[in-house]
Amino acid sequence: MRDACGTTATVQGMPGNPLTDPNWATDLTEQITTVVGNVRDKTTNNAIKVVRGVVFGLMGMFLGLVAIVLLLITVTRSLQSLLDIFFQWDKSVYLSYFIVGGILTIAGWFLMSKRHSTEA
């Protein structure tokens, strides 16, 4: 086929025309796959990371809280057994509560003194 200048031009099908392009289905499938993959990378993967962070953070918080409670129970009970050597059982229980309570109160006072006040 000759164009207006007299040169021969090859006839190619229109791009994206399913009637003349034998690779139309493959090209269209690759484009759709690429677009869907890009959308998934930008949305779903980030959402999965955020949800994992929230779930693991909550699990860590609850496990840490349980560990602190069990530690306080163990310390109190050990202190009661230690004080039972020197005092009667009733007095050793009360003394252990006062000692652990005093330590926690002092720790609370220390932490409250380290907080930052937001005065405007």
Protein backbone atom coordinates (compact mmCIF):
# COMPACT_ATOMS: atom_id res chain seq x y z
CA MET A 1 0.00 0.00 0.00
CA ARG A 2 1.36 3.42 -0.92
CA ASP A 3 0.91 6.61 1.04
CA ALA A 4 0.61 10.18 -0.28
CA CYS A 5 4.41 10.48 -0.79
CA GLY A 6 4.55 7.35 -2.90
CA THR A 7 6.37 5.18 -0.38
CA THR A 8 5.11 1.84 0.64
CA ALA A 9 3.75 1.62 4.13
CA THR A 10 3.09 -1.51 6.05
CA VAL A 11 -0.46 -1.98 7.15
CA GLN A 12 -0.77 -2.60 10.84
CA GLY A 13 -3.89 -3.07 12.80
CA MET A 14 -5.09 -0.39 15.13
CA PRO A 15 -3.66 -0.78 18.59
CA GLY A 16 -6.18 -2.30 20.91
CA ASN A 17 -8.36 -3.61 18.11
CA PRO A 18 -9.33 -7.19 18.98
CA LEU A 19 -10.09 -7.98 15.34
CA THR A 20 -6.60 -7.24 13.99
CA ASP A 21 -4.28 -7.62 17.02
CA PRO A 22 -3.59 -11.26 17.90
CA ASN A 23 -2.00 -10.29 21.25
CA TRP A 24 -4.91 -8.11 22.32
CA ALA A 25 -6.19 -10.43 25.03
CA THR A 26 -2.74 -11.04 26.47
CA ASP A 27 -1.84 -7.32 26.48
CA LEU A 28 -5.15 -6.36 28.07
CA THR A 29 -4.80 -9.07 30.72
CA GLU A 30 -1.28 -7.87 31.57
CA GLN A 31 -2.48 -4.27 31.86
CA ILE A 32 -5.34 -5.24 34.16
CA THR A 33 -3.04 -7.40 36.27
CA THR A 34 -0.54 -4.56 36.56
CA VAL A 35 -3.18 -2.01 37.58
CA VAL A 36 -4.78 -4.36 40.14
CA GLY A 37 -1.33 -5.23 41.53
CA ASN A 38 -0.42 -1.55 41.91
CA VAL A 39 -3.70 -0.77 43.66
CA ARG A 40 -3.24 -3.75 45.99
CA ASP A 41 0.34 -2.70 46.81
CA LYS A 42 -0.76 0.82 47.67
CA THR A 43 -3.83 -0.08 49.73
CA THR A 44 -4.15 -3.64 50.97
CA ASN A 45 -0.51 -4.24 51.90
CA ASN A 46 -0.37 -1.03 53.97
CA ALA A 47 -3.66 -1.89 55.67
CA ILE A 48 -2.35 -5.35 56.53
CA LYS A 49 0.78 -3.83 58.08
CA VAL A 50 -1.30 -1.43 60.19
CA VAL A 51 -3.67 -4.16 61.38
CA ARG A 52 -0.76 -6.44 62.28
CA GLY A 53 0.84 -3.63 64.26
CA VAL A 54 -2.39 -2.99 66.17
CA VAL A 55 -2.98 -6.69 66.89
CA PHE A 56 0.59 -7.36 68.04
CA GLY A 57 0.63 -4.14 70.06
CA LEU A 58 -2.58 -5.08 71.89
CA MET A 59 -1.32 -8.61 72.49
CA GLY A 60 1.94 -7.27 73.87
CA MET A 61 0.10 -4.81 76.10
CA PHE A 62 -2.19 -7.48 77.55
CA LEU A 63 0.66 -9.97 78.04
CA GLY A 64 2.75 -7.26 79.69
CA LEU A 65 -0.12 -6.40 82.01
CA VAL A 66 -0.55 -10.06 82.98
CA ALA A 67 3.21 -10.37 83.56
CA ILE A 68 3.21 -7.31 85.84
CA VAL A 69 0.29 -8.66 87.88
CA LEU A 70 1.92 -12.08 88.24
CA LEU A 71 5.21 -10.42 89.23
CA LEU A 72 3.48 -8.37 91.93
CA ILE A 73 1.72 -11.46 93.26
CA THR A 74 5.01 -13.38 93.34
CA VAL A 75 6.88 -10.54 95.06
CA THR A 76 4.14 -10.12 97.65
CA ARG A 77 3.90 -13.83 98.39
CA SER A 78 7.70 -14.20 98.59
CA LEU A 79 7.90 -11.23 100.93
CA GLN A 80 5.21 -12.77 103.10
CA SER A 81 7.16 -16.01 103.35
CA LEU A 82 10.36 -14.13 104.15
CA LEU A 83 8.71 -12.00 106.83
CA ASP A 84 7.06 -15.09 108.31
CA ILE A 85 10.50 -16.09 109.56
CA PHE A 86 10.64 -13.01 111.82
CA PHE A 87 6.95 -12.28 112.53
CA GLN A 88 3.67 -14.11 112.90
CA TRP A 89 1.83 -14.90 109.67
CA ASP A 90 -0.85 -12.20 110.18
CA LYS A 91 1.74 -9.48 110.73
CA SER A 92 3.91 -10.67 107.84
CA VAL A 93 0.92 -10.41 105.45
CA TYR A 94 0.16 -6.83 106.54
CA LEU A 95 3.83 -5.85 106.45
CA SER A 96 4.25 -7.29 102.94
CA TYR A 97 1.24 -5.25 101.76
CA PHE A 98 2.68 -2.09 103.30
CA ILE A 99 6.15 -2.69 101.85
CA VAL A 100 4.92 -3.46 98.31
CA GLY A 101 2.41 -0.61 98.49
CA GLY A 102 5.13 1.78 99.67
CA ILE A 103 7.45 0.74 96.84
CA LEU A 104 4.68 1.23 94.28
CA THR A 105 3.75 4.60 95.80
CA ILE A 106 7.35 5.82 95.66
CA ALA A 107 7.62 4.59 92.06
CA GLY A 108 4.40 6.46 91.22
CA TRP A 109 5.66 9.65 92.82
CA PHE A 110 8.93 9.35 90.90
CA LEU A 111 7.13 8.81 87.58
CA MET A 112 4.74 11.68 88.24
CA SER A 113 7.68 14.00 88.91
CA LYS A 114 9.18 13.06 85.53
CA ARG A 115 6.02 13.83 83.51
CA HIS A 116 5.89 16.94 81.37
CA SER A 117 3.29 19.53 82.20
CA THR A 118 1.53 21.25 79.30
CA GLU A 119 1.06 24.80 80.49
CA ALA A 120 0.03 27.31 77.88
